[in-house]
Protein backbone atom coordinates (compact mmCIF):
# COMPACT_ATOMS: atom_id res chain seq x y z
CA MET A 1 5.20 16.72 6.01
CA ALA A 2 6.63 20.13 6.70
CA PRO A 3 10.08 20.76 5.59
CA THR A 4 12.96 19.99 7.78
CA PRO A 5 15.15 23.25 8.57
CA ALA A 6 18.22 21.61 6.97
CA LEU A 7 16.03 21.19 3.66
CA ILE A 8 14.77 24.80 3.74
CA ALA A 9 18.10 26.04 4.18
CA ALA A 10 19.58 24.30 1.13
CA CYS A 11 16.49 25.19 -0.79
CA ILE A 12 16.86 28.65 0.14
CA THR A 13 20.41 28.72 -0.77
CA PHE A 14 19.83 27.98 -4.29
CA VAL A 15 15.98 29.12 -5.06
CA LEU A 16 16.92 31.93 -7.21
CA LEU A 17 19.84 30.20 -9.29
CA SER A 18 18.29 26.98 -9.67
CA GLY A 19 14.81 24.85 -9.56
CA CYS A 20 14.14 24.44 -5.87
CA THR A 21 10.90 25.72 -4.67
CA SER A 22 10.62 24.74 -1.06
CA ALA A 23 8.95 27.95 0.84
CA VAL A 24 8.83 29.95 3.50
CA THR A 25 5.89 31.58 4.22
CA SER A 26 4.95 35.18 5.30
CA PRO A 27 1.32 36.29 6.53
CA SER A 28 0.16 36.17 3.03
CA SER A 29 -0.77 32.33 2.43
CA SER A 30 0.52 33.13 -1.31
CA THR A 31 3.85 34.45 -0.51
CA PRO A 32 6.53 32.79 -2.58
CA ALA A 33 9.80 31.02 -1.39
CA VAL A 34 12.57 33.16 -0.19
CA SER A 35 16.02 33.59 -1.68
CA ALA A 36 19.52 34.88 -2.08
CA SER A 37 20.82 36.88 -4.89
CA PRO A 38 23.55 36.09 -7.86
CA THR A 39 26.68 38.33 -7.73
CA GLN A 40 27.92 40.99 -9.91
CA THR A 41 24.45 41.59 -11.41
CA ALA A 42 24.39 44.44 -14.28
CA PRO A 43 22.30 47.10 -13.94
CA SER A 44 18.55 46.36 -14.58
CA PRO A 45 16.49 48.35 -17.07
CA THR A 46 15.31 51.79 -16.07
CA PRO A 47 11.87 51.83 -14.95
CA SER A 48 9.40 52.94 -17.50
CA PRO A 49 7.81 56.20 -17.46
CA THR A 50 4.62 54.27 -17.15
CA TRP A 51 5.24 52.70 -13.95
CA SER A 52 3.34 54.06 -11.01
CA ALA A 53 4.99 55.45 -8.09
CA GLU A 54 4.45 52.26 -5.84
CA GLN A 55 5.75 50.33 -8.92
CA ALA A 56 8.81 52.07 -9.41
CA ALA A 57 9.69 51.93 -5.75
CA ALA A 58 9.08 48.17 -5.50
CA ILE A 59 11.45 47.75 -8.63
CA ALA A 60 14.17 49.91 -6.84
CA THR A 61 13.86 47.70 -4.03
CA VAL A 62 14.60 44.40 -5.70
CA ASP A 63 17.55 46.45 -7.29
CA GLU A 64 18.94 47.06 -3.83
CA TYR A 65 18.00 43.80 -2.45
CA ARG A 66 20.10 42.03 -5.43
CA THR A 67 22.74 44.62 -5.05
CA SER A 68 23.00 43.94 -1.55
CA GLY A 69 23.10 40.22 -2.16
CA GLN A 70 25.69 40.40 -4.78
CA LYS A 71 28.22 42.01 -2.57
CA ILE A 72 28.18 39.11 -0.09
CA TRP A 73 27.90 36.43 -2.70
CA ALA A 74 31.24 37.95 -4.51
CA ASP A 75 33.22 37.44 -1.26
CA PRO A 76 31.05 35.79 1.78
CA ALA A 77 34.20 35.23 3.58
CA ALA A 78 34.81 39.10 3.90
CA PHE A 79 31.58 39.57 5.98
CA SER A 80 30.42 38.67 9.41
CA GLU A 81 26.81 37.36 9.77
CA LYS A 82 26.08 40.65 11.49
CA GLN A 83 27.44 42.67 8.37
CA MET A 84 25.30 40.36 6.34
CA ARG A 85 22.39 41.27 8.08
CA ALA A 86 22.92 45.21 8.06
CA LEU A 87 23.35 44.91 4.44
CA LEU A 88 20.03 42.99 3.97
CA LYS A 89 17.87 44.48 6.22
CA SER A 90 17.00 47.79 4.41
CA SER A 91 15.36 45.87 1.46
CA ALA A 92 14.31 42.65 2.86
CA GLY A 93 11.80 41.31 5.25
CA PRO A 94 12.97 39.51 8.32
CA LYS A 95 12.63 35.85 7.07
CA VAL A 96 14.19 36.73 4.04
CA VAL A 97 17.27 38.06 5.54
CA ASP A 98 17.34 35.01 8.03
CA ALA A 99 17.35 32.77 5.20
CA ASN A 100 19.76 34.55 3.04
CA VAL A 101 22.10 34.87 5.65
CA ALA A 102 21.95 31.25 6.38
CA SER A 103 22.84 30.37 2.70
CA TYR A 104 25.76 33.20 2.90
CA LEU A 105 27.13 31.50 5.81
CA ASP A 106 27.17 28.01 4.39
CA LEU A 107 28.80 29.29 1.09
CA LYS A 108 31.33 30.82 3.72
CA LYS A 109 32.06 27.68 5.48
CA ARG A 110 32.56 25.86 2.13
CA GLY A 111 34.91 28.48 0.81
CA PHE A 112 33.01 29.17 -2.08
CA ARG A 113 31.97 32.60 -3.73
CA TYR A 114 30.12 33.54 -7.07
CA ASP A 115 31.82 35.14 -9.79
CA GLY A 116 30.41 36.51 -13.17
CA ALA A 117 27.87 39.35 -14.29
CA THR A 118 24.40 38.25 -14.47
CA ALA A 119 21.95 40.52 -16.44
CA VAL A 120 18.12 41.55 -16.09
CA LEU A 121 16.68 40.95 -19.35
CA THR A 122 12.95 41.93 -18.66
CA THR A 123 10.98 43.51 -15.66
CA THR A 124 7.40 43.56 -15.44
CA ALA A 125 5.71 44.62 -12.07
CA THR A 126 1.81 44.11 -11.04
CA LYS A 127 -0.33 47.09 -9.99
CA ALA A 128 0.24 47.81 -6.36
CA SER A 129 -2.69 46.08 -4.30
CA ASP A 130 -3.89 46.28 -0.79
CA VAL A 131 -3.17 42.70 0.74
CA GLY A 132 -4.68 43.78 4.20
CA TYR A 133 -1.77 44.21 6.37
CA GLY A 134 0.14 46.30 3.45
CA THR A 135 0.62 47.34 0.04
CA GLU A 136 2.19 44.67 -2.58
CA VAL A 137 3.67 44.55 -5.87
CA ILE A 138 4.72 41.47 -7.79
CA VAL A 139 8.01 42.20 -9.64
CA THR A 140 9.11 39.59 -12.38
CA ARG A 141 12.26 39.38 -13.79
CA CYS A 142 14.20 37.47 -16.41
CA ILE A 143 17.76 37.14 -15.53
CA ASP A 144 20.62 35.99 -17.82
CA GLN A 145 23.35 34.00 -15.82
CA ARG A 146 25.25 32.55 -18.48
CA ALA A 147 28.55 34.22 -17.38
CA LEU A 148 28.01 33.19 -13.54
CA ARG A 149 30.15 30.38 -11.96
CA VAL A 150 31.13 29.54 -8.62
CA LEU A 151 34.68 29.57 -7.37
CA ASP A 152 36.36 27.88 -4.39
CA ALA A 153 39.06 29.42 -2.06
CA THR A 154 41.86 28.71 -4.52
CA GLY A 155 39.93 30.39 -7.40
CA ALA A 156 39.27 26.94 -9.06
CA GLU A 157 35.69 26.76 -10.58
CA VAL A 158 33.34 24.38 -8.91
CA SER A 159 31.73 21.45 -10.41
CA THR A 160 28.07 20.86 -10.63
CA ALA A 161 28.71 17.69 -8.27
CA GLN A 162 30.56 19.84 -5.68
CA LEU A 163 27.74 22.51 -5.91
CA GLY A 164 25.00 20.08 -5.74
CA TYR A 165 22.94 21.80 -8.20
CA GLU A 166 23.03 23.29 -11.88
CA LEU A 167 23.10 26.88 -12.66
CA PRO A 168 20.36 27.41 -15.48
CA ASP A 169 21.41 29.84 -18.51
CA PHE A 170 18.32 31.87 -17.84
CA ASN A 171 16.08 32.10 -14.71
CA LEU A 172 12.70 33.72 -14.28
CA ARG A 173 11.89 35.05 -10.77
CA GLN A 174 9.03 36.46 -9.13
CA TYR A 175 9.79 38.83 -6.13
CA THR A 176 7.04 39.67 -3.67
CA VAL A 177 7.47 42.99 -2.55
CA GLN A 178 5.33 44.60 0.02
CA LYS A 179 5.36 47.79 2.41
CA ARG A 180 3.67 46.66 5.58
CA GLY A 181 2.48 48.59 8.33
CA ALA A 182 5.48 49.35 10.04
CA ASP A 183 7.60 49.53 7.35
CA LYS A 184 8.91 53.14 6.02
CA ALA A 185 9.45 51.53 2.31
CA PHE A 186 9.06 48.46 0.50
CA ARG A 187 11.16 45.27 1.27
CA VAL A 188 11.20 41.93 -0.62
CA TYR A 189 9.21 39.31 1.74
CA GLY A 190 9.56 36.47 -0.87
CA ILE A 191 11.11 35.16 -4.25
CA ALA A 192 9.76 32.19 -6.24
CA PRO A 193 10.42 30.72 -9.74
CA THR A 194 7.37 31.38 -12.04
CA LYS A 195 6.36 30.04 -15.56
CA GLY A 196 6.79 32.16 -18.83
CA LYS A 197 9.27 32.61 -21.39
CA CYS A 198 12.83 33.68 -20.30
CA GLY A 199 15.92 33.87 -22.63
CA PRO A 200 16.25 33.08 -26.46
């Protein structure tokens, strides 16, 4: 049975920070679920000199996407829907933008915001490949979220019960980064959990 719009929106809201895996698909049948990003992300490691130009560009796109998301997560009430879309569209595909904005608006409605730094512990990138409708690089990141918390409008920390999910201490995520025919640069077209070691 296909997921309902409500289920998709709920899963997309928290897929990067928790374990929900409902997918929003792109033209590639293997494109992972989309997601929003945590707030106050620490700078990621500088791409290694061994990265190809495509890999370095894809990693930079993920950095831009996460930085844009963190600005909104930190204070959703300060952004209109139009401003959210404008901030995300240069680094994310249309479906990712739609899903992220839906989750940001839900946070805004509930008066919640994310607080605390996250840190990228590791970054890997596949070689660029031709997927028929563009060039694709898969960027995988291990993110330390131990300092991350959610606050309500009064500044009080939101409980797991109020939030509806638990924030994992460490999060391993795979970003599908593509440069499609009409794109001038790479954009994030999907995010999903992946298997592997992340954290101590």
